[in-house]
Amino acid sequence: MNTSVDESRRSRRRRVDERVDVIDSMTDQAIGQLGNISDSGLLLLAGQPLHEDCLYQLRFTLADRSGLRFPLEIGAHLLWQNAAAAPGQAWMGFRFLSLEDGQLDRLREWIDAPGATYV
């Protein structure tokens, strides 16, 4: 991995091992799957084109080790995208702009949970 990218990250990124579909709240359509997440952004494997430097309202559900599921609704800015190995897919990096009350604390607990894998 590029060292300059690692050095510029301020938040720990947790790899998402299970399938987590991400929904565009404005269109109510699945746009991709979560790759990894921090308390300030996420990596998405998108299955449809999105526009760089645009704002999106995303929602998805995470589950803790006990299986308790919690939904997240996040305002996000699409910073960059790169073609993935599979045709029609792209890796996309989002920066969070807003989370609903209490969700940031819940997300941080999930990121820091015992047994989590970081990238």
PDB file of N, CA and C in Angstrom:
ATOM      1  N   MET A   1       0.833  -1.170   0.000  1.00  0.00           N
ATOM      2  CA  MET A   1       0.000   0.000   0.000  1.00  0.00           C
ATOM      3  C   MET A   1       0.883   1.240   0.000  1.00  0.00           C
ATOM      4  N   ASN A   2       0.426   2.287  -0.608  1.00  0.00           N
ATOM      5  CA  ASN A   2       1.164   3.538  -0.696  1.00  0.00           C
ATOM      6  C   ASN A   2       1.312   4.157   0.690  1.00  0.00           C
ATOM      7  N   THR A   3       2.549   4.411   1.111  1.00  0.00           N
ATOM      8  CA  THR A   3       2.798   4.939   2.456  1.00  0.00           C
ATOM      9  C   THR A   3       2.169   6.303   2.650  1.00  0.00           C
ATOM     10  N   SER A   4       2.169   7.142   1.642  1.00  0.00           N
ATOM     11  CA  SER A   4       1.599   8.475   1.808  1.00  0.00           C
ATOM     12  C   SER A   4       0.107   8.398   2.108  1.00  0.00           C
ATOM     13  N   VAL A   5      -0.587   7.409   1.541  1.00  0.00           N
ATOM     14  CA  VAL A   5      -2.001   7.225   1.842  1.00  0.00           C
ATOM     15  C   VAL A   5      -2.150   6.820   3.303  1.00  0.00           C
ATOM     16  N   ASP A   6      -1.348   5.863   3.774  1.00  0.00           N
ATOM     17  CA  ASP A   6      -1.420   5.425   5.160  1.00  0.00           C
ATOM     18  C   ASP A   6      -1.157   6.579   6.124  1.00  0.00           C
ATOM     19  N   GLU A   7      -0.163   7.397   5.809  1.00  0.00           N
ATOM     20  CA  GLU A   7       0.202   8.489   6.702  1.00  0.00           C
ATOM     21  C   GLU A   7      -0.863   9.567   6.754  1.00  0.00           C
ATOM     22  N   SER A   8      -1.637   9.734   5.690  1.00  0.00           N
ATOM     23  CA  SER A   8      -2.639  10.791   5.665  1.00  0.00           C
ATOM     24  C   SER A   8      -3.929  10.394   6.392  1.00  0.00           C
ATOM     25  N   ARG A   9      -4.105   9.114   6.668  1.00  0.00           N
ATOM     26  CA  ARG A   9      -5.307   8.674   7.362  1.00  0.00           C
ATOM     27  C   ARG A   9      -5.226   9.016   8.840  1.00  0.00           C
ATOM     28  N   ARG A  10      -6.282   9.601   9.346  1.00  0.00           N
ATOM     29  CA  ARG A  10      -6.319   9.965  10.756  1.00  0.00           C
ATOM     30  C   ARG A  10      -7.126   8.975  11.572  1.00  0.00           C
ATOM     31  N   SER A  11      -8.025   8.271  10.940  1.00  0.00           N
ATOM     32  CA  SER A  11      -8.912   7.343  11.640  1.00  0.00           C
ATOM     33  C   SER A  11      -8.604   5.913  11.232  1.00  0.00           C
ATOM     34  N   ARG A  12      -8.749   5.008  12.193  1.00  0.00           N
ATOM     35  CA  ARG A  12      -8.579   3.583  11.890  1.00  0.00           C
ATOM     36  C   ARG A  12      -9.709   3.118  10.994  1.00  0.00           C
ATOM     37  N   ARG A  13      -9.357   2.312   9.998  1.00  0.00           N
ATOM     38  CA  ARG A  13     -10.369   1.770   9.087  1.00  0.00           C
ATOM     39  C   ARG A  13     -10.560   0.290   9.374  1.00  0.00           C
ATOM     40  N   ARG A  14     -11.803  -0.072   9.643  1.00  0.00           N
ATOM     41  CA  ARG A  14     -12.134  -1.475   9.891  1.00  0.00           C
ATOM     42  C   ARG A  14     -12.603  -2.127   8.598  1.00  0.00           C
ATOM     43  N   ARG A  15     -12.015  -3.279   8.303  1.00  0.00           N
ATOM     44  CA  ARG A  15     -12.460  -4.055   7.148  1.00  0.00           C
ATOM     45  C   ARG A  15     -13.840  -4.635   7.448  1.00  0.00           C
ATOM     46  N   VAL A  16     -14.697  -4.644   6.454  1.00  0.00           N
ATOM     47  CA  VAL A  16     -16.039  -5.205   6.601  1.00  0.00           C
ATOM     48  C   VAL A  16     -16.009  -6.587   5.962  1.00  0.00           C
ATOM     49  N   ASP A  17     -16.077  -7.620   6.810  1.00  0.00           N
ATOM     50  CA  ASP A  17     -15.931  -8.994   6.326  1.00  0.00           C
ATOM     51  C   ASP A  17     -17.219  -9.593   5.782  1.00  0.00           C
ATOM     52  N   GLU A  18     -18.361  -9.138   6.284  1.00  0.00           N
ATOM     53  CA  GLU A  18     -19.628  -9.669   5.811  1.00  0.00           C
ATOM     54  C   GLU A  18     -20.178  -8.755   4.712  1.00  0.00           C
ATOM     55  N   ARG A  19     -21.145  -9.234   3.977  1.00  0.00           N
ATOM     56  CA  ARG A  19     -21.755  -8.407   2.928  1.00  0.00           C
ATOM     57  C   ARG A  19     -22.656  -7.361   3.574  1.00  0.00           C
ATOM     58  N   VAL A  20     -22.374  -6.098   3.277  1.00  0.00           N
ATOM     59  CA  VAL A  20     -23.205  -4.986   3.750  1.00  0.00           C
ATOM     60  C   VAL A  20     -23.558  -4.140   2.536  1.00  0.00           C
ATOM     61  N   ASP A  21     -24.819  -4.224   2.131  1.00  0.00           N
ATOM     62  CA  ASP A  21     -25.290  -3.439   0.992  1.00  0.00           C
ATOM     63  C   ASP A  21     -25.498  -1.993   1.415  1.00  0.00           C
ATOM     64  N   VAL A  22     -25.106  -1.078   0.541  1.00  0.00           N
ATOM     65  CA  VAL A  22     -25.260   0.353   0.779  1.00  0.00           C
ATOM     66  C   VAL A  22     -26.352   0.860  -0.159  1.00  0.00           C
ATOM     67  N   ILE A  23     -27.305   1.584   0.421  1.00  0.00           N
ATOM     68  CA  ILE A  23     -28.463   2.101  -0.315  1.00  0.00           C
ATOM     69  C   ILE A  23     -28.331   3.609  -0.477  1.00  0.00           C
ATOM     70  N   ASP A  24     -28.611   4.112  -1.670  1.00  0.00           N
ATOM     71  CA  ASP A  24     -28.727   5.550  -1.896  1.00  0.00           C
ATOM     72  C   ASP A  24     -30.129   5.932  -1.416  1.00  0.00           C
ATOM     73  N   SER A  25     -30.211   6.686  -0.339  1.00  0.00           N
ATOM     74  CA  SER A  25     -31.508   7.021   0.262  1.00  0.00           C
ATOM     75  C   SER A  25     -32.392   7.858  -0.653  1.00  0.00           C
ATOM     76  N   MET A  26     -31.803   8.602  -1.557  1.00  0.00           N
ATOM     77  CA  MET A  26     -32.591   9.459  -2.447  1.00  0.00           C
ATOM     78  C   MET A  26     -33.303   8.647  -3.533  1.00  0.00           C
ATOM     79  N   THR A  27     -32.671   7.565  -3.994  1.00  0.00           N
ATOM     80  CA  THR A  27     -33.274   6.743  -5.047  1.00  0.00           C
ATOM     81  C   THR A  27     -33.830   5.436  -4.497  1.00  0.00           C
ATOM     82  N   ASP A  28     -33.461   5.105  -3.253  1.00  0.00           N
ATOM     83  CA  ASP A  28     -33.856   3.861  -2.590  1.00  0.00           C
ATOM     84  C   ASP A  28     -33.324   2.630  -3.335  1.00  0.00           C
ATOM     85  N   GLN A  29     -32.169   2.774  -3.994  1.00  0.00           N
ATOM     86  CA  GLN A  29     -31.561   1.667  -4.721  1.00  0.00           C
ATOM     87  C   GLN A  29     -30.206   1.309  -4.118  1.00  0.00           C
ATOM     88  N   ALA A  30     -29.896   0.007  -4.145  1.00  0.00           N
ATOM     89  CA  ALA A  30     -28.583  -0.460  -3.703  1.00  0.00           C
ATOM     90  C   ALA A  30     -27.554   0.023  -4.719  1.00  0.00           C
ATOM     91  N   ILE A  31     -26.470   0.637  -4.215  1.00  0.00           N
ATOM     92  CA  ILE A  31     -25.440   1.150  -5.124  1.00  0.00           C
ATOM     93  C   ILE A  31     -24.133   0.384  -5.005  1.00  0.00           C
ATOM     94  N   GLY A  32     -24.003  -0.450  -3.967  1.00  0.00           N
ATOM     95  CA  GLY A  32     -22.771  -1.210  -3.815  1.00  0.00           C
ATOM     96  C   GLY A  32     -22.654  -1.854  -2.452  1.00  0.00           C
ATOM     97  N   GLN A  33     -21.435  -2.303  -2.146  1.00  0.00           N
ATOM     98  CA  GLN A  33     -21.161  -2.987  -0.885  1.00  0.00           C
ATOM     99  C   GLN A  33     -20.029  -2.297  -0.150  1.00  0.00           C
ATOM    100  N   LEU A  34     -20.127  -2.299   1.160  1.00  0.00           N
ATOM    101  CA  LEU A  34     -19.109  -1.696   2.008  1.00  0.00           C
ATOM    102  C   LEU A  34     -17.819  -2.501   1.938  1.00  0.00           C
ATOM    103  N   GLY A  35     -16.695  -1.807   1.754  1.00  0.00           N
ATOM    104  CA  GLY A  35     -15.384  -2.456   1.755  1.00  0.00           C
ATOM    105  C   GLY A  35     -14.687  -2.286   3.091  1.00  0.00           C
ATOM    106  N   ASN A  36     -14.614  -1.033   3.552  1.00  0.00           N
ATOM    107  CA  ASN A  36     -14.106  -0.745   4.891  1.00  0.00           C
ATOM    108  C   ASN A  36     -14.699   0.583   5.345  1.00  0.00           C
ATOM    109  N   ILE A  37     -14.555   0.858   6.643  1.00  0.00           N
ATOM    110  CA  ILE A  37     -15.196   2.052   7.189  1.00  0.00           C
ATOM    111  C   ILE A  37     -14.394   2.580   8.371  1.00  0.00           C
ATOM    112  N   SER A  38     -14.395   3.887   8.515  1.00  0.00           N
ATOM    113  CA  SER A  38     -13.803   4.557   9.678  1.00  0.00           C
ATOM    114  C   SER A  38     -14.875   5.477  10.240  1.00  0.00           C
ATOM    115  N   ASP A  39     -14.510   6.258  11.251  1.00  0.00           N
ATOM    116  CA  ASP A  39     -15.504   7.192  11.787  1.00  0.00           C
ATOM    117  C   ASP A  39     -15.597   8.467  10.948  1.00  0.00           C
ATOM    118  N   SER A  40     -14.811   8.527   9.846  1.00  0.00           N
ATOM    119  CA  SER A  40     -14.858   9.714   8.997  1.00  0.00           C
ATOM    120  C   SER A  40     -15.129   9.421   7.519  1.00  0.00           C
ATOM    121  N   GLY A  41     -15.216   8.137   7.146  1.00  0.00           N
ATOM    122  CA  GLY A  41     -15.476   7.820   5.756  1.00  0.00           C
ATOM    123  C   GLY A  41     -15.578   6.334   5.502  1.00  0.00           C
ATOM    124  N   LEU A  42     -15.803   5.986   4.237  1.00  0.00           N
ATOM    125  CA  LEU A  42     -15.940   4.575   3.873  1.00  0.00           C
ATOM    126  C   LEU A  42     -15.421   4.326   2.470  1.00  0.00           C
ATOM    127  N   LEU A  43     -15.102   3.066   2.215  1.00  0.00           N
ATOM    128  CA  LEU A  43     -14.735   2.579   0.894  1.00  0.00           C
ATOM    129  C   LEU A  43     -15.891   1.722   0.409  1.00  0.00           C
ATOM    130  N   LEU A  44     -16.375   2.032  -0.776  1.00  0.00           N
ATOM    131  CA  LEU A  44     -17.523   1.340  -1.354  1.00  0.00           C
ATOM    132  C   LEU A  44     -17.098   0.647  -2.633  1.00  0.00           C
ATOM    133  N   LEU A  45     -17.532  -0.601  -2.809  1.00  0.00           N
ATOM    134  CA  LEU A  45     -17.405  -1.283  -4.090  1.00  0.00           C
ATOM    135  C   LEU A  45     -18.740  -1.079  -4.793  1.00  0.00           C
ATOM    136  N   ALA A  46     -18.768  -0.137  -5.720  1.00  0.00           N
ATOM    137  CA  ALA A  46     -20.026   0.256  -6.367  1.00  0.00           C
ATOM    138  C   ALA A  46     -20.297  -0.580  -7.603  1.00  0.00           C
ATOM    139  N   GLY A  47     -21.564  -0.894  -7.788  1.00  0.00           N
ATOM    140  CA  GLY A  47     -21.994  -1.662  -8.943  1.00  0.00           C
ATOM    141  C   GLY A  47     -22.664  -0.801  -9.989  1.00  0.00           C
ATOM    142  N   GLN A  48     -22.720   0.509  -9.754  1.00  0.00           N
ATOM    143  CA  GLN A  48     -23.281   1.425 -10.733  1.00  0.00           C
ATOM    144  C   GLN A  48     -22.526   2.746 -10.669  1.00  0.00           C
ATOM    145  N   PRO A  49     -22.544   3.495 -11.745  1.00  0.00           N
ATOM    146  CA  PRO A  49     -21.767   4.738 -11.773  1.00  0.00           C
ATOM    147  C   PRO A  49     -22.334   5.792 -10.828  1.00  0.00           C
ATOM    148  N   LEU A  50     -21.439   6.523 -10.182  1.00  0.00           N
ATOM    149  CA  LEU A  50     -21.805   7.671  -9.353  1.00  0.00           C
ATOM    150  C   LEU A  50     -20.941   8.839  -9.819  1.00  0.00           C
ATOM    151  N   HIS A  51     -21.297  10.017  -9.384  1.00  0.00           N
ATOM    152  CA  HIS A  51     -20.584  11.212  -9.823  1.00  0.00           C
ATOM    153  C   HIS A  51     -19.625  11.695  -8.751  1.00  0.00           C
ATOM    154  N   GLU A  52     -18.366  11.827  -9.150  1.00  0.00           N
ATOM    155  CA  GLU A  52     -17.329  12.311  -8.243  1.00  0.00           C
ATOM    156  C   GLU A  52     -17.634  13.746  -7.819  1.00  0.00           C
ATOM    157  N   ASP A  53     -17.215  14.088  -6.606  1.00  0.00           N
ATOM    158  CA  ASP A  53     -17.389  15.426  -6.038  1.00  0.00           C
ATOM    159  C   ASP A  53     -18.862  15.792  -5.873  1.00  0.00           C
ATOM    160  N   CYS A  54     -19.705  14.781  -5.656  1.00  0.00           N
ATOM    161  CA  CYS A  54     -21.129  15.009  -5.398  1.00  0.00           C
ATOM    162  C   CYS A  54     -21.471  14.519  -3.998  1.00  0.00           C
ATOM    163  N   LEU A  55     -22.610  14.955  -3.497  1.00  0.00           N
ATOM    164  CA  LEU A  55     -23.075  14.574  -2.169  1.00  0.00           C
ATOM    165  C   LEU A  55     -24.123  13.482  -2.284  1.00  0.00           C
ATOM    166  N   TYR A  56     -24.065  12.534  -1.352  1.00  0.00           N
ATOM    167  CA  TYR A  56     -25.004  11.411  -1.338  1.00  0.00           C
ATOM    168  C   TYR A  56     -25.522  11.201   0.074  1.00  0.00           C
ATOM    169  N   GLN A  57     -26.725  10.674   0.162  1.00  0.00           N
ATOM    170  CA  GLN A  57     -27.306  10.262   1.436  1.00  0.00           C
ATOM    171  C   GLN A  57     -27.340   8.740   1.389  1.00  0.00           C
ATOM    172  N   LEU A  58     -26.519   8.095   2.226  1.00  0.00           N
ATOM    173  CA  LEU A  58     -26.354   6.643   2.193  1.00  0.00           C
ATOM    174  C   LEU A  58     -26.918   6.011   3.449  1.00  0.00           C
ATOM    175  N   ARG A  59     -27.409   4.788   3.294  1.00  0.00           N
ATOM    176  CA  ARG A  59     -27.840   4.045   4.482  1.00  0.00           C
ATOM    177  C   ARG A  59     -27.424   2.585   4.346  1.00  0.00           C
ATOM    178  N   PHE A  60     -27.112   2.010   5.497  1.00  0.00           N
ATOM    179  CA  PHE A  60     -26.728   0.604   5.562  1.00  0.00           C
ATOM    180  C   PHE A  60     -26.856   0.166   7.010  1.00  0.00           C
ATOM    181  N   THR A  61     -26.761  -1.135   7.227  1.00  0.00           N
ATOM    182  CA  THR A  61     -26.920  -1.699   8.561  1.00  0.00           C
ATOM    183  C   THR A  61     -25.701  -2.534   8.904  1.00  0.00           C
ATOM    184  N   LEU A  62     -25.146  -2.291  10.090  1.00  0.00           N
ATOM    185  CA  LEU A  62     -24.038  -3.082  10.605  1.00  0.00           C
ATOM    186  C   LEU A  62     -24.541  -3.969  11.728  1.00  0.00           C
ATOM    187  N   ALA A  63     -23.818  -5.048  12.009  1.00  0.00           N
ATOM    188  CA  ALA A  63     -24.171  -5.952  13.108  1.00  0.00           C
ATOM    189  C   ALA A  63     -22.972  -6.118  14.016  1.00  0.00           C
ATOM    190  N   ASP A  64     -23.210  -6.107  15.331  1.00  0.00           N
ATOM    191  CA  ASP A  64     -22.098  -6.321  16.262  1.00  0.00           C
ATOM    192  C   ASP A  64     -21.880  -7.818  16.458  1.00  0.00           C
ATOM    193  N   ARG A  65     -20.931  -8.173  17.291  1.00  0.00           N
ATOM    194  CA  ARG A  65     -20.576  -9.594  17.480  1.00  0.00           C
ATOM    195  C   ARG A  65     -21.723 -10.426  18.012  1.00  0.00           C
ATOM    196  N   SER A  66     -22.618  -9.806  18.759  1.00  0.00           N
ATOM    197  CA  SER A  66     -23.755 -10.546  19.307  1.00  0.00           C
ATOM    198  C   SER A  66     -24.895 -10.681  18.296  1.00  0.00           C
ATOM    199  N   GLY A  67     -24.724 -10.058  17.120  1.00  0.00           N
ATOM    200  CA  GLY A  67     -25.756 -10.130  16.097  1.00  0.00           C
ATOM    201  C   GLY A  67     -26.729  -8.965  16.143  1.00  0.00           C
ATOM    202  N   LEU A  68     -26.573  -8.075  17.121  1.00  0.00           N
ATOM    203  CA  LEU A  68     -27.434  -6.899  17.215  1.00  0.00           C
ATOM    204  C   LEU A  68     -27.149  -5.988  16.033  1.00  0.00           C
ATOM    205  N   ARG A  69     -28.194  -5.671  15.286  1.00  0.00           N
ATOM    206  CA  ARG A  69     -28.043  -4.864  14.083  1.00  0.00           C
ATOM    207  C   ARG A  69     -28.417  -3.412  14.380  1.00  0.00           C
ATOM    208  N   PHE A  70     -27.681  -2.478  13.762  1.00  0.00           N
ATOM    209  CA  PHE A  70     -28.034  -1.068  13.912  1.00  0.00           C
ATOM    210  C   PHE A  70     -27.875  -0.363  12.570  1.00  0.00           C
ATOM    211  N   PRO A  71     -28.904   0.406  12.203  1.00  0.00           N
ATOM    212  CA  PRO A  71     -28.876   1.110  10.925  1.00  0.00           C
ATOM    213  C   PRO A  71     -28.110   2.429  11.040  1.00  0.00           C
ATOM    214  N   LEU A  72     -27.490   2.821   9.940  1.00  0.00           N
ATOM    215  CA  LEU A  72     -26.808   4.104   9.845  1.00  0.00           C
ATOM    216  C   LEU A  72     -27.339   4.860   8.637  1.00  0.00           C
ATOM    217  N   GLU A  73     -27.556   6.139   8.799  1.00  0.00           N
ATOM    218  CA  GLU A  73     -27.964   7.041   7.722  1.00  0.00           C
ATOM    219  C   GLU A  73     -26.908   8.137   7.704  1.00  0.00           C
ATOM    220  N   ILE A  74     -26.187   8.258   6.582  1.00  0.00           N
ATOM    221  CA  ILE A  74     -25.002   9.109   6.544  1.00  0.00           C
ATOM    222  C   ILE A  74     -25.018  10.006   5.313  1.00  0.00           C
ATOM    223  N   GLY A  75     -24.761  11.291   5.527  1.00  0.00           N
ATOM    224  CA  GLY A  75     -24.514  12.204   4.423  1.00  0.00           C
ATOM    225  C   GLY A  75     -23.041  12.070   4.066  1.00  0.00           C
ATOM    226  N   ALA A  76     -22.720  11.891   2.780  1.00  0.00           N
ATOM    227  CA  ALA A  76     -21.336  11.628   2.389  1.00  0.00           C
ATOM    228  C   ALA A  76     -20.985  12.339   1.082  1.00  0.00           C
ATOM    229  N   HIS A  77     -19.699  12.666   0.962  1.00  0.00           N
ATOM    230  CA  HIS A  77     -19.144  13.326  -0.216  1.00  0.00           C
ATOM    231  C   HIS A  77     -18.263  12.324  -0.953  1.00  0.00           C
ATOM    232  N   LEU A  78     -18.547  12.069  -2.224  1.00  0.00           N
ATOM    233  CA  LEU A  78     -17.738  11.149  -3.027  1.00  0.00           C
ATOM    234  C   LEU A  78     -16.463  11.872  -3.451  1.00  0.00           C
ATOM    235  N   LEU A  79     -15.329  11.436  -2.889  1.00  0.00           N
ATOM    236  CA  LEU A  79     -14.052  12.094  -3.137  1.00  0.00           C
ATOM    237  C   LEU A  79     -13.330  11.576  -4.370  1.00  0.00           C
ATOM    238  N   TRP A  80     -13.373  10.242  -4.587  1.00  0.00           N
ATOM    239  CA  TRP A  80     -12.621   9.643  -5.688  1.00  0.00           C
ATOM    240  C   TRP A  80     -13.245   8.316  -6.071  1.00  0.00           C
ATOM    241  N   GLN A  81     -12.870   7.836  -7.266  1.00  0.00           N
ATOM    242  CA  GLN A  81     -13.275   6.501  -7.709  1.00  0.00           C
ATOM    243  C   GLN A  81     -12.250   5.947  -8.676  1.00  0.00           C
ATOM    244  N   ASN A  82     -12.077   4.624  -8.599  1.00  0.00           N
ATOM    245  CA  ASN A  82     -11.151   3.899  -9.478  1.00  0.00           C
ATOM    246  C   ASN A  82     -11.838   2.629  -9.959  1.00  0.00           C
ATOM    247  N   ALA A  83     -11.583   2.251 -11.182  1.00  0.00           N
ATOM    248  CA  ALA A  83     -12.171   1.027 -11.726  1.00  0.00           C
ATOM    249  C   ALA A  83     -11.719  -0.175 -10.899  1.00  0.00           C
ATOM    250  N   ALA A  84     -12.636  -1.088 -10.650  1.00  0.00           N
ATOM    251  CA  ALA A  84     -12.322  -2.342  -9.962  1.00  0.00           C
ATOM    252  C   ALA A  84     -11.988  -3.396 -11.023  1.00  0.00           C
ATOM    253  N   ALA A  85     -11.543  -4.560 -10.569  1.00  0.00           N
ATOM    254  CA  ALA A  85     -11.158  -5.631 -11.495  1.00  0.00           C
ATOM    255  C   ALA A  85     -12.347  -6.146 -12.310  1.00  0.00           C
ATOM    256  N   ALA A  86     -13.524  -6.191 -11.691  1.00  0.00           N
ATOM    257  CA  ALA A  86     -14.712  -6.692 -12.382  1.00  0.00           C
ATOM    258  C   ALA A  86     -15.315  -5.586 -13.255  1.00  0.00           C
ATOM    259  N   PRO A  87     -15.694  -5.928 -14.480  1.00  0.00           N
ATOM    260  CA  PRO A  87     -16.313  -4.930 -15.365  1.00  0.00           C
ATOM    261  C   PRO A  87     -17.577  -4.335 -14.730  1.00  0.00           C
ATOM    262  N   GLY A  88     -17.740  -3.023 -14.860  1.00  0.00           N
ATOM    263  CA  GLY A  88     -18.928  -2.353 -14.346  1.00  0.00           C
ATOM    264  C   GLY A  88     -18.870  -2.009 -12.866  1.00  0.00           C
ATOM    265  N   GLN A  89     -17.758  -2.322 -12.200  1.00  0.00           N
ATOM    266  CA  GLN A  89     -17.621  -2.003 -10.784  1.00  0.00           C
ATOM    267  C   GLN A  89     -16.499  -0.997 -10.574  1.00  0.00           C
ATOM    268  N   ALA A  90     -16.605  -0.249  -9.472  1.00  0.00           N
ATOM    269  CA  ALA A  90     -15.578   0.737  -9.140  1.00  0.00           C
ATOM    270  C   ALA A  90     -15.434   0.846  -7.636  1.00  0.00           C
ATOM    271  N   TRP A  91     -14.211   1.101  -7.184  1.00  0.00           N
ATOM    272  CA  TRP A  91     -13.940   1.423  -5.786  1.00  0.00           C
ATOM    273  C   TRP A  91     -14.156   2.910  -5.625  1.00  0.00           C
ATOM    274  N   MET A  92     -14.870   3.307  -4.574  1.00  0.00           N
ATOM    275  CA  MET A  92     -15.180   4.717  -4.357  1.00  0.00           C
ATOM    276  C   MET A  92     -14.913   5.090  -2.910  1.00  0.00           C
ATOM    277  N   GLY A  93     -14.279   6.240  -2.726  1.00  0.00           N
ATOM    278  CA  GLY A  93     -13.967   6.731  -1.397  1.00  0.00           C
ATOM    279  C   GLY A  93     -14.879   7.887  -1.015  1.00  0.00           C
ATOM    280  N   PHE A  94     -15.563   7.746   0.110  1.00  0.00           N
ATOM    281  CA  PHE A  94     -16.491   8.770   0.606  1.00  0.00           C
ATOM    282  C   PHE A  94     -15.992   9.340   1.926  1.00  0.00           C
ATOM    283  N   ARG A  95     -16.231  10.628   2.121  1.00  0.00           N
ATOM    284  CA  ARG A  95     -15.977  11.304   3.393  1.00  0.00           C
ATOM    285  C   ARG A  95     -17.332  11.632   4.000  1.00  0.00           C
ATOM    286  N   PHE A  96     -17.493  11.320   5.284  1.00  0.00           N
ATOM    287  CA  PHE A  96     -18.756  11.591   5.954  1.00  0.00           C
ATOM    288  C   PHE A  96     -18.938  13.075   6.198  1.00  0.00           C
ATOM    289  N   LEU A  97     -20.153  13.543   5.984  1.00  0.00           N
ATOM    290  CA  LEU A  97     -20.509  14.932   6.269  1.00  0.00           C
ATOM    291  C   LEU A  97     -21.447  15.021   7.461  1.00  0.00           C
ATOM    292  N   SER A  98     -22.313  14.027   7.603  1.00  0.00           N
ATOM    293  CA  SER A  98     -23.268  14.062   8.715  1.00  0.00           C
ATOM    294  C   SER A  98     -23.730  12.660   9.073  1.00  0.00           C
ATOM    295  N   LEU A  99     -23.976  12.480  10.365  1.00  0.00           N
ATOM    296  CA  LEU A  99     -24.566  11.250  10.895  1.00  0.00           C
ATOM    297  C   LEU A  99     -25.691  11.678  11.831  1.00  0.00           C
ATOM    298  N   GLU A 100     -26.708  10.861  11.945  1.00  0.00           N
ATOM    299  CA  GLU A 100     -27.800  11.158  12.867  1.00  0.00           C
ATOM    300  C   GLU A 100     -27.297  11.084  14.304  1.00  0.00           C
ATOM    301  N   ASP A 101     -28.029  11.715  15.212  1.00  0.00           N
ATOM    302  CA  ASP A 101     -27.658  11.749  16.629  1.00  0.00           C
ATOM    303  C   ASP A 101     -27.333  10.359  17.167  1.00  0.00           C
ATOM    304  N   GLY A 102     -26.206  10.247  17.858  1.00  0.00           N
ATOM    305  CA  GLY A 102     -25.809   8.997  18.499  1.00  0.00           C
ATOM    306  C   GLY A 102     -25.155   7.980  17.591  1.00  0.00           C
ATOM    307  N   GLN A 103     -25.247   8.155  16.285  1.00  0.00           N
ATOM    308  CA  GLN A 103     -24.710   7.150  15.369  1.00  0.00           C
ATOM    309  C   GLN A 103     -23.184   7.144  15.337  1.00  0.00           C
ATOM    310  N   LEU A 104     -22.560   8.281  15.501  1.00  0.00           N
ATOM    311  CA  LEU A 104     -21.100   8.322  15.473  1.00  0.00           C
ATOM    312  C   LEU A 104     -20.515   7.508  16.627  1.00  0.00           C
ATOM    313  N   ASP A 105     -21.082   7.645  17.823  1.00  0.00           N
ATOM    314  CA  ASP A 105     -20.610   6.857  18.961  1.00  0.00           C
ATOM    315  C   ASP A 105     -20.805   5.363  18.705  1.00  0.00           C
ATOM    316  N   ARG A 106     -21.952   4.991  18.181  1.00  0.00           N
ATOM    317  CA  ARG A 106     -22.245   3.574  17.892  1.00  0.00           C
ATOM    318  C   ARG A 106     -21.283   3.040  16.841  1.00  0.00           C
ATOM    319  N   LEU A 107     -21.008   3.844  15.809  1.00  0.00           N
ATOM    320  CA  LEU A 107     -20.074   3.446  14.761  1.00  0.00           C
ATOM    321  C   LEU A 107     -18.668   3.267  15.340  1.00  0.00           C
ATOM    322  N   ARG A 108     -18.232   4.169  16.182  1.00  0.00           N
ATOM    323  CA  ARG A 108     -16.901   4.052  16.795  1.00  0.00           C
ATOM    324  C   ARG A 108     -16.796   2.792  17.655  1.00  0.00           C
ATOM    325  N   GLU A 109     -17.843   2.458  18.379  1.00  0.00           N
ATOM    326  CA  GLU A 109     -17.851   1.214  19.167  1.00  0.00           C
ATOM    327  C   GLU A 109     -17.693   0.012  18.252  1.00  0.00           C
ATOM    328  N   TRP A 110     -18.388   0.014  17.113  1.00  0.00           N
ATOM    329  CA  TRP A 110     -18.314  -1.099  16.172  1.00  0.00           C
ATOM    330  C   TRP A 110     -16.906  -1.197  15.575  1.00  0.00           C
ATOM    331  N   ILE A 111     -16.325  -0.074  15.216  1.00  0.00           N
ATOM    332  CA  ILE A 111     -14.976  -0.056  14.631  1.00  0.00           C
ATOM    333  C   ILE A 111     -13.956  -0.599  15.638  1.00  0.00           C
ATOM    334  N   ASP A 112     -14.101  -0.240  16.904  1.00  0.00           N
ATOM    335  CA  ASP A 112     -13.134  -0.626  17.940  1.00  0.00           C
ATOM    336  C   ASP A 112     -13.445  -1.954  18.633  1.00  0.00           C
ATOM    337  N   ALA A 113     -14.441  -2.691  18.142  1.00  0.00           N
ATOM    338  CA  ALA A 113     -14.845  -3.944  18.782  1.00  0.00           C
ATOM    339  C   ALA A 113     -13.715  -4.963  18.779  1.00  0.00           C
ATOM    340  N   PRO A 114     -13.622  -5.778  19.835  1.00  0.00           N
ATOM    341  CA  PRO A 114     -12.600  -6.845  19.888  1.00  0.00           C
ATOM    342  C   PRO A 114     -12.743  -7.776  18.675  1.00  0.00           C
ATOM    343  N   GLY A 115     -11.624  -8.157  18.115  1.00  0.00           N
ATOM    344  CA  GLY A 115     -11.632  -9.078  16.976  1.00  0.00           C
ATOM    345  C   GLY A 115     -11.749  -8.406  15.614  1.00  0.00           C
ATOM    346  N   ALA A 116     -11.886  -7.084  15.590  1.00  0.00           N
ATOM    347  CA  ALA A 116     -11.999  -6.375  14.312  1.00  0.00           C
ATOM    348  C   ALA A 116     -10.675  -6.430  13.559  1.00  0.00           C
ATOM    349  N   THR A 117     -10.759  -6.414  12.235  1.00  0.00           N
ATOM    350  CA  THR A 117      -9.583  -6.403  11.374  1.00  0.00           C
ATOM    351  C   THR A 117      -9.478  -5.029  10.738  1.00  0.00           C
ATOM    352  N   TYR A 118      -8.266  -4.456  10.756  1.00  0.00           N
ATOM    353  CA  TYR A 118      -8.077  -3.111  10.237  1.00  0.00           C
ATOM    354  C   TYR A 118      -7.217  -3.118   8.983  1.00  0.00           C
ATOM    355  N   VAL A 119      -7.455  -2.119   8.136  1.00  0.00           N
ATOM    356  CA  VAL A 119      -6.670  -1.963   6.898  1.00  0.00           C
ATOM    357  C   VAL A 119      -5.913  -0.661   6.939  1.00  0.00           C
TER     358      VAL A 119
END
